[in-house]
C-alpha atoms as a PDB file:
ATOM      1  CA  MET A   1      13.719  33.821   2.221  1.00  0.00           C
ATOM      2  CA  GLU A   2      15.518  32.536   5.315  1.00  0.00           C
ATOM      3  CA  GLY A   3      14.851  28.786   5.525  1.00  0.00           C
ATOM      4  CA  THR A   4      11.855  27.485   3.542  1.00  0.00           C
ATOM      5  CA  ALA A   5       8.194  28.527   3.319  1.00  0.00           C
ATOM      6  CA  PHE A   6       7.567  25.935   6.066  1.00  0.00           C
ATOM      7  CA  THR A   7      10.023  27.430   8.596  1.00  0.00           C
ATOM      8  CA  PRO A   8       7.471  29.671  10.449  1.00  0.00           C
ATOM      9  CA  ALA A   9       4.954  26.800  10.735  1.00  0.00           C
ATOM     10  CA  LEU A  10       7.628  24.390  11.999  1.00  0.00           C
ATOM     11  CA  GLU A  11       8.550  26.879  14.719  1.00  0.00           C
ATOM     12  CA  GLY A  12       4.876  27.441  15.586  1.00  0.00           C
ATOM     13  CA  ILE A  13       4.129  23.712  15.892  1.00  0.00           C
ATOM     14  CA  GLN A  14       6.309  23.532  18.988  1.00  0.00           C
ATOM     15  CA  HIS A  15       3.791  25.715  20.885  1.00  0.00           C
ATOM     16  CA  VAL A  16       0.527  24.048  19.828  1.00  0.00           C
ATOM     17  CA  LYS A  17       0.267  21.773  22.824  1.00  0.00           C
ATOM     18  CA  LEU A  18       1.099  21.940  26.492  1.00  0.00           C
ATOM     19  CA  GLU A  19       2.963  18.839  27.598  1.00  0.00           C
ATOM     20  CA  GLU A  20       0.417  16.035  27.984  1.00  0.00           C
ATOM     21  CA  GLY A  21      -2.306  18.633  27.505  1.00  0.00           C
ATOM     22  CA  GLU A  22      -4.914  19.521  24.908  1.00  0.00           C
ATOM     23  CA  ILE A  23      -4.364  21.556  21.760  1.00  0.00           C
ATOM     24  CA  LEU A  24      -4.248  25.316  22.410  1.00  0.00           C
ATOM     25  CA  THR A  25      -6.500  27.461  20.240  1.00  0.00           C
ATOM     26  CA  THR A  26      -4.263  30.369  19.199  1.00  0.00           C
ATOM     27  CA  PRO A  27      -1.057  28.409  18.487  1.00  0.00           C
ATOM     28  CA  PHE A  28      -2.980  25.834  16.407  1.00  0.00           C
ATOM     29  CA  LEU A  29      -4.700  28.539  14.340  1.00  0.00           C
ATOM     30  CA  GLU A  30      -1.380  30.370  13.916  1.00  0.00           C
ATOM     31  CA  VAL A  31       0.221  27.277  12.355  1.00  0.00           C
ATOM     32  CA  CYS A  32      -2.745  26.948   9.969  1.00  0.00           C
ATOM     33  CA  LYS A  33      -2.268  30.620   9.058  1.00  0.00           C
ATOM     34  CA  GLN A  34       1.449  30.117   8.502  1.00  0.00           C
ATOM     35  CA  ILE A  35       0.655  27.567   5.789  1.00  0.00           C
ATOM     36  CA  LEU A  36      -1.430  30.113   3.825  1.00  0.00           C
ATOM     37  CA  PRO A  37       1.658  31.655   2.115  1.00  0.00           C
ATOM     38  CA  VAL A  38       2.538  28.164   0.832  1.00  0.00           C
ATOM     39  CA  ILE A  39      -1.009  27.808  -0.564  1.00  0.00           C
ATOM     40  CA  ASP A  40      -0.665  31.236  -2.187  1.00  0.00           C
ATOM     41  CA  LYS A  41       2.111  29.883  -4.390  1.00  0.00           C
ATOM     42  CA  PHE A  42      -0.342  27.394  -5.929  1.00  0.00           C
ATOM     43  CA  GLY A  43      -2.199  30.314  -7.494  1.00  0.00           C
ATOM     44  CA  ALA A  44      -5.735  29.764  -8.835  1.00  0.00           C
ATOM     45  CA  ALA A  45      -5.665  26.008  -8.132  1.00  0.00           C
ATOM     46  CA  MET A  46      -5.932  26.634  -4.401  1.00  0.00           C
ATOM     47  CA  THR A  47      -8.271  29.632  -4.269  1.00  0.00           C
ATOM     48  CA  LEU A  48     -11.152  27.517  -2.898  1.00  0.00           C
ATOM     49  CA  VAL A  49      -8.975  25.871  -0.254  1.00  0.00           C
ATOM     50  CA  LYS A  50      -7.413  29.150   0.837  1.00  0.00           C
ATOM     51  CA  THR A  51     -10.799  30.861   1.167  1.00  0.00           C
ATOM     52  CA  ASP A  52     -12.164  27.916   3.134  1.00  0.00           C
ATOM     53  CA  ILE A  53      -9.189  27.750   5.511  1.00  0.00           C
ATOM     54  CA  GLY A  54      -9.093  31.540   5.989  1.00  0.00           C
ATOM     55  CA  GLY A  55     -12.832  31.713   6.697  1.00  0.00           C
ATOM     56  CA  ASN A  56     -12.735  28.923   9.270  1.00  0.00           C
ATOM     57  CA  ILE A  57      -9.695  30.394  11.016  1.00  0.00           C
ATOM     58  CA  SER A  58     -11.529  33.760  11.268  1.00  0.00           C
ATOM     59  CA  ARG A  59     -14.651  32.081  12.670  1.00  0.00           C
ATOM     60  CA  LEU A  60     -12.650  30.277  15.372  1.00  0.00           C
ATOM     61  CA  GLU A  61     -10.558  33.355  16.190  1.00  0.00           C
ATOM     62  CA  SER A  62     -13.677  35.447  16.582  1.00  0.00           C
ATOM     63  CA  LYS A  63     -15.167  32.943  19.049  1.00  0.00           C
ATOM     64  CA  TYR A  64     -11.870  32.750  20.949  1.00  0.00           C
ATOM     65  CA  SER A  65     -11.684  36.563  21.200  1.00  0.00           C
ATOM     66  CA  SER A  66     -15.154  36.680  22.783  1.00  0.00           C
ATOM     67  CA  LYS A  67     -13.909  34.739  25.860  1.00  0.00           C
ATOM     68  CA  PRO A  68     -10.166  33.985  25.636  1.00  0.00           C
ATOM     69  CA  SER A  69      -9.896  32.363  29.065  1.00  0.00           C
ATOM     70  CA  GLU A  70     -12.868  30.099  28.371  1.00  0.00           C
ATOM     71  CA  PHE A  71     -11.723  29.066  24.887  1.00  0.00           C
ATOM     72  CA  ASN A  72      -7.979  28.758  25.460  1.00  0.00           C
ATOM     73  CA  ARG A  73      -8.176  25.090  24.456  1.00  0.00           C
ATOM     74  CA  LEU A  74      -9.515  24.307  21.000  1.00  0.00           C
ATOM     75  CA  ASN A  75     -11.963  21.624  22.124  1.00  0.00           C
ATOM     76  CA  ASP A  76     -13.607  23.922  24.678  1.00  0.00           C
ATOM     77  CA  MET A  77     -15.435  25.717  21.842  1.00  0.00           C
ATOM     78  CA  VAL A  78     -16.881  22.394  20.704  1.00  0.00           C
ATOM     79  CA  ARG A  79     -17.849  21.360  24.242  1.00  0.00           C
ATOM     80  CA  THR A  80     -19.703  24.671  24.728  1.00  0.00           C
ATOM     81  CA  GLU A  81     -21.616  24.256  21.445  1.00  0.00           C
ATOM     82  CA  VAL A  82     -22.435  20.596  22.162  1.00  0.00           C
ATOM     83  CA  ALA A  83     -23.866  21.635  25.554  1.00  0.00           C
ATOM     84  CA  ALA A  84     -25.902  24.407  23.881  1.00  0.00           C
ATOM     85  CA  LYS A  85     -27.000  22.015  21.084  1.00  0.00           C
ATOM     86  CA  THR A  86     -25.668  24.404  18.399  1.00  0.00           C
ATOM     87  CA  ALA A  87     -22.684  22.291  17.265  1.00  0.00           C
ATOM     88  CA  LYS A  88     -24.361  20.943  14.111  1.00  0.00           C
ATOM     89  CA  ALA A  89     -25.270  24.389  12.736  1.00  0.00           C
ATOM     90  CA  SER A  90     -23.387  25.224   9.527  1.00  0.00           C
ATOM     91  CA  SER A  91     -22.143  28.484  11.108  1.00  0.00           C
ATOM     92  CA  SER A  92     -20.880  26.799  14.302  1.00  0.00           C
ATOM     93  CA  CYS A  93     -17.264  26.756  15.424  1.00  0.00           C
ATOM     94  CA  THR A  94     -17.518  22.966  15.596  1.00  0.00           C
ATOM     95  CA  ASN A  95     -18.286  22.943  11.879  1.00  0.00           C
ATOM     96  CA  GLY A  96     -15.459  25.451  11.313  1.00  0.00           C
ATOM     97  CA  LEU A  97     -12.963  23.267  13.173  1.00  0.00           C
ATOM     98  CA  LEU A  98     -14.113  20.148  11.320  1.00  0.00           C
ATOM     99  CA  TRP A  99     -13.675  21.721   7.880  1.00  0.00           C
ATOM    100  CA  LEU A 100     -10.407  23.422   8.838  1.00  0.00           C
ATOM    101  CA  THR A 101      -9.069  20.034   9.973  1.00  0.00           C
ATOM    102  CA  ARG A 102     -10.255  18.380   6.756  1.00  0.00           C
ATOM    103  CA  ALA A 103      -8.638  21.081   4.601  1.00  0.00           C
ATOM    104  CA  MET A 104      -5.375  20.644   6.509  1.00  0.00           C
ATOM    105  CA  ASP A 105      -5.697  16.841   6.006  1.00  0.00           C
ATOM    106  CA  PHE A 106      -5.830  17.550   2.280  1.00  0.00           C
ATOM    107  CA  LEU A 107      -2.713  19.740   2.415  1.00  0.00           C
ATOM    108  CA  VAL A 108      -0.765  17.182   4.449  1.00  0.00           C
ATOM    109  CA  ALA A 109      -1.760  14.457   1.930  1.00  0.00           C
ATOM    110  CA  LEU A 110      -0.678  16.753  -0.913  1.00  0.00           C
ATOM    111  CA  PHE A 111       2.668  17.545   0.726  1.00  0.00           C
ATOM    112  CA  ARG A 112       3.218  13.817   1.347  1.00  0.00           C
ATOM    113  CA  ASN A 113       2.566  13.132  -2.333  1.00  0.00           C
ATOM    114  CA  LEU A 114       5.197  15.714  -3.302  1.00  0.00           C
ATOM    115  CA  LEU A 115       7.589  13.950  -0.967  1.00  0.00           C
ATOM    116  CA  GLU A 116       6.857  10.367  -1.963  1.00  0.00           C
ATOM    117  CA  HIS A 117       6.078  10.728  -5.688  1.00  0.00           C
ATOM    118  CA  LYS A 118       8.757  12.951  -7.144  1.00  0.00           C
ATOM    119  CA  ASP A 119       7.728  11.904 -10.670  1.00  0.00           C
ATOM    120  CA  TRP A 120       4.133  13.133 -10.277  1.00  0.00           C
ATOM    121  CA  THR A 121       2.943  16.419 -11.741  1.00  0.00           C
ATOM    122  CA  MET A 122       1.450  18.931  -9.322  1.00  0.00           C
ATOM    123  CA  SER A 123      -1.996  18.251 -10.758  1.00  0.00           C
ATOM    124  CA  GLN A 124      -1.607  14.486 -10.085  1.00  0.00           C
ATOM    125  CA  ALA A 125      -0.435  15.154  -6.515  1.00  0.00           C
ATOM    126  CA  CYS A 126      -3.405  17.478  -5.876  1.00  0.00           C
ATOM    127  CA  THR A 127      -6.034  15.192  -7.417  1.00  0.00           C
ATOM    128  CA  ASP A 128      -4.802  12.140  -5.507  1.00  0.00           C
ATOM    129  CA  ALA A 129      -4.733  14.060  -2.200  1.00  0.00           C
ATOM    130  CA  TYR A 130      -8.250  15.364  -2.836  1.00  0.00           C
ATOM    131  CA  GLY A 131      -9.532  11.845  -3.514  1.00  0.00           C
ATOM    132  CA  LYS A 132      -8.011  10.582  -0.253  1.00  0.00           C
ATOM    133  CA  THR A 133      -9.358  13.393   1.934  1.00  0.00           C
ATOM    134  CA  LEU A 134     -11.984  16.008   1.028  1.00  0.00           C
ATOM    135  CA  LYS A 135     -13.799  14.334  -1.853  1.00  0.00           C
ATOM    136  CA  LYS A 136     -16.006  12.012   0.235  1.00  0.00           C
ATOM    137  CA  TRP A 137     -17.289  14.975   2.271  1.00  0.00           C
ATOM    138  CA  HIS A 138     -18.083  17.213  -0.706  1.00  0.00           C
ATOM    139  CA  GLY A 139     -21.307  17.367  -2.670  1.00  0.00           C
ATOM    140  CA  TRP A 140     -21.309  17.221  -6.479  1.00  0.00           C
ATOM    141  CA  LEU A 141     -20.921  20.988  -6.978  1.00  0.00           C
ATOM    142  CA  ALA A 142     -17.924  21.409  -4.644  1.00  0.00           C
ATOM    143  CA  SER A 143     -16.341  18.281  -6.068  1.00  0.00           C
ATOM    144  CA  SER A 144     -16.732  19.514  -9.664  1.00  0.00           C
ATOM    145  CA  SER A 145     -15.302  22.957  -8.802  1.00  0.00           C
ATOM    146  CA  PHE A 146     -12.362  21.315  -7.081  1.00  0.00           C
ATOM    147  CA  THR A 147     -11.640  18.990  -9.996  1.00  0.00           C
ATOM    148  CA  VAL A 148     -11.553  21.946 -12.407  1.00  0.00           C
ATOM    149  CA  ALA A 149      -9.323  23.968 -10.045  1.00  0.00           C
ATOM    150  CA  MET A 150      -6.792  21.122  -9.741  1.00  0.00           C
ATOM    151  CA  LYS A 151      -6.142  21.428 -13.484  1.00  0.00           C
ATOM    152  CA  LEU A 152      -4.765  24.922 -12.815  1.00  0.00           C
ATOM    153  CA  ALA A 153      -2.008  23.588 -10.540  1.00  0.00           C
ATOM    154  CA  PRO A 154       1.381  25.228 -11.197  1.00  0.00           C
ATOM    155  CA  ASP A 155       4.521  23.643 -12.611  1.00  0.00           C
ATOM    156  CA  ARG A 156       5.969  21.433  -9.905  1.00  0.00           C
ATOM    157  CA  LYS A 157       9.648  22.353 -10.382  1.00  0.00           C
ATOM    158  CA  LYS A 158       8.974  26.108 -10.240  1.00  0.00           C
ATOM    159  CA  PHE A 159       6.699  25.699  -7.217  1.00  0.00           C
ATOM    160  CA  MET A 160       9.325  23.739  -5.268  1.00  0.00           C
ATOM    161  CA  GLU A 161      11.956  26.371  -6.074  1.00  0.00           C
ATOM    162  CA  VAL A 162       9.697  29.198  -4.897  1.00  0.00           C
ATOM    163  CA  ILE A 163       8.815  27.561  -1.555  1.00  0.00           C
ATOM    164  CA  GLY A 164      12.319  26.136  -1.043  1.00  0.00           C
ATOM    165  CA  GLY A 165      14.052  29.415  -0.162  1.00  0.00           C
ATOM    166  CA  SER A 166      17.487  28.774   1.294  1.00  0.00           C
ATOM    167  CA  GLY A 167      16.567  25.553   3.134  1.00  0.00           C
ATOM    168  CA  ASP A 168      16.032  21.861   2.449  1.00  0.00           C
ATOM    169  CA  ILE A 169      12.425  21.866   1.230  1.00  0.00           C
ATOM    170  CA  TYR A 170      11.883  18.102   1.207  1.00  0.00           C
ATOM    171  CA  ALA A 171      13.230  17.750   4.758  1.00  0.00           C
ATOM    172  CA  ASP A 172      10.940  20.563   5.951  1.00  0.00           C
ATOM    173  CA  ILE A 173       7.879  19.093   4.219  1.00  0.00           C
ATOM    174  CA  GLU A 174       8.573  15.771   5.920  1.00  0.00           C
ATOM    175  CA  LYS A 175       9.013  17.446   9.330  1.00  0.00           C
ATOM    176  CA  PHE A 176       5.758  19.362   8.860  1.00  0.00           C
ATOM    177  CA  CYS A 177       3.741  16.260   7.882  1.00  0.00           C
ATOM    178  CA  ILE A 178       5.133  14.192  10.768  1.00  0.00           C
ATOM    179  CA  SER A 179       4.708  16.859  13.450  1.00  0.00           C
ATOM    180  CA  PHE A 180       1.376  18.401  12.359  1.00  0.00           C
ATOM    181  CA  SER A 181      -0.587  15.232  11.477  1.00  0.00           C
ATOM    182  CA  PRO A 182      -1.048  14.100  15.120  1.00  0.00           C
ATOM    183  CA  PHE A 183      -2.920  17.352  15.907  1.00  0.00           C
ATOM    184  CA  LEU A 184      -5.325  16.693  13.019  1.00  0.00           C
ATOM    185  CA  GLU A 185      -5.838  13.098  14.176  1.00  0.00           C
ATOM    186  CA  GLU A 186      -6.543  14.385  17.680  1.00  0.00           C
ATOM    187  CA  ASN A 187      -9.144  16.846  16.351  1.00  0.00           C
ATOM    188  CA  HIS A 188     -10.913  14.040  14.444  1.00  0.00           C
ATOM    189  CA  LYS A 189     -10.806  11.766  17.473  1.00  0.00           C
ATOM    190  CA  PHE A 190     -12.355  14.417  19.696  1.00  0.00           C
ATOM    191  CA  LEU A 191     -15.027  15.351  17.130  1.00  0.00           C
ATOM    192  CA  ALA A 192     -15.856  11.640  16.691  1.00  0.00           C
ATOM    193  CA  SER A 193     -16.195  11.267  20.490  1.00  0.00           C
ATOM    194  CA  VAL A 194     -19.042  13.806  20.428  1.00  0.00           C
ATOM    195  CA  GLY A 195     -20.542  12.306  17.246  1.00  0.00           C
ATOM    196  CA  LEU A 196     -19.600  15.177  14.943  1.00  0.00           C
ATOM    197  CA  ASP A 197     -16.720  13.937  12.768  1.00  0.00           C
ATOM    198  CA  GLY A 198     -18.987  12.699   9.965  1.00  0.00           C
ATOM    199  CA  LEU A 199     -20.857  15.899   9.029  1.00  0.00           C
ATOM    200  CA  LYS A 200     -21.061  16.423   5.259  1.00  0.00           C
ATOM    201  CA  ALA A 201     -21.225  19.598   3.225  1.00  0.00           C
ATOM    202  CA  SER A 202     -24.792  20.843   2.885  1.00  0.00           C
END
């Protein structure tokens, strides 16, 4: 592999936002998609996360495709649903964006743990990241499933070798966390401004 498993996402991040503008729908979703191959390498431990991320990307892409010019900016989907009073529905794009952002929060926290705690096992890094991000939004069932899945996390050394390719994996993880986190913070800020950042799993 040319570069690391993060190389495509790092290139994609540069197109997520117009200068001084809002986050663009397609480039943001593309970066989320480009992280899926990294999640794949976790195997069974990340099946739930991958399914969740993939499903929410599809939901948002489908909405975007229905009116590309109207939904060019990510927040426009939320504004439309807020106006129509459908934003709180579990099948809404607002809900999809919220859970996609939360899942990406979890991944960024996990990648940061790999960066900052080189002595931790993969299972420790996953469990800590889950506790800091998704856990408070999950009900008992989702939380239990997640806890069991984390025990299936792969060997850290092998995982890092697989995603490292021919590049500097730790440098790329750091670049990804630093450059992608502000988009997630912006999503939360916008969702909070319309009173929708605190929705829990049903």
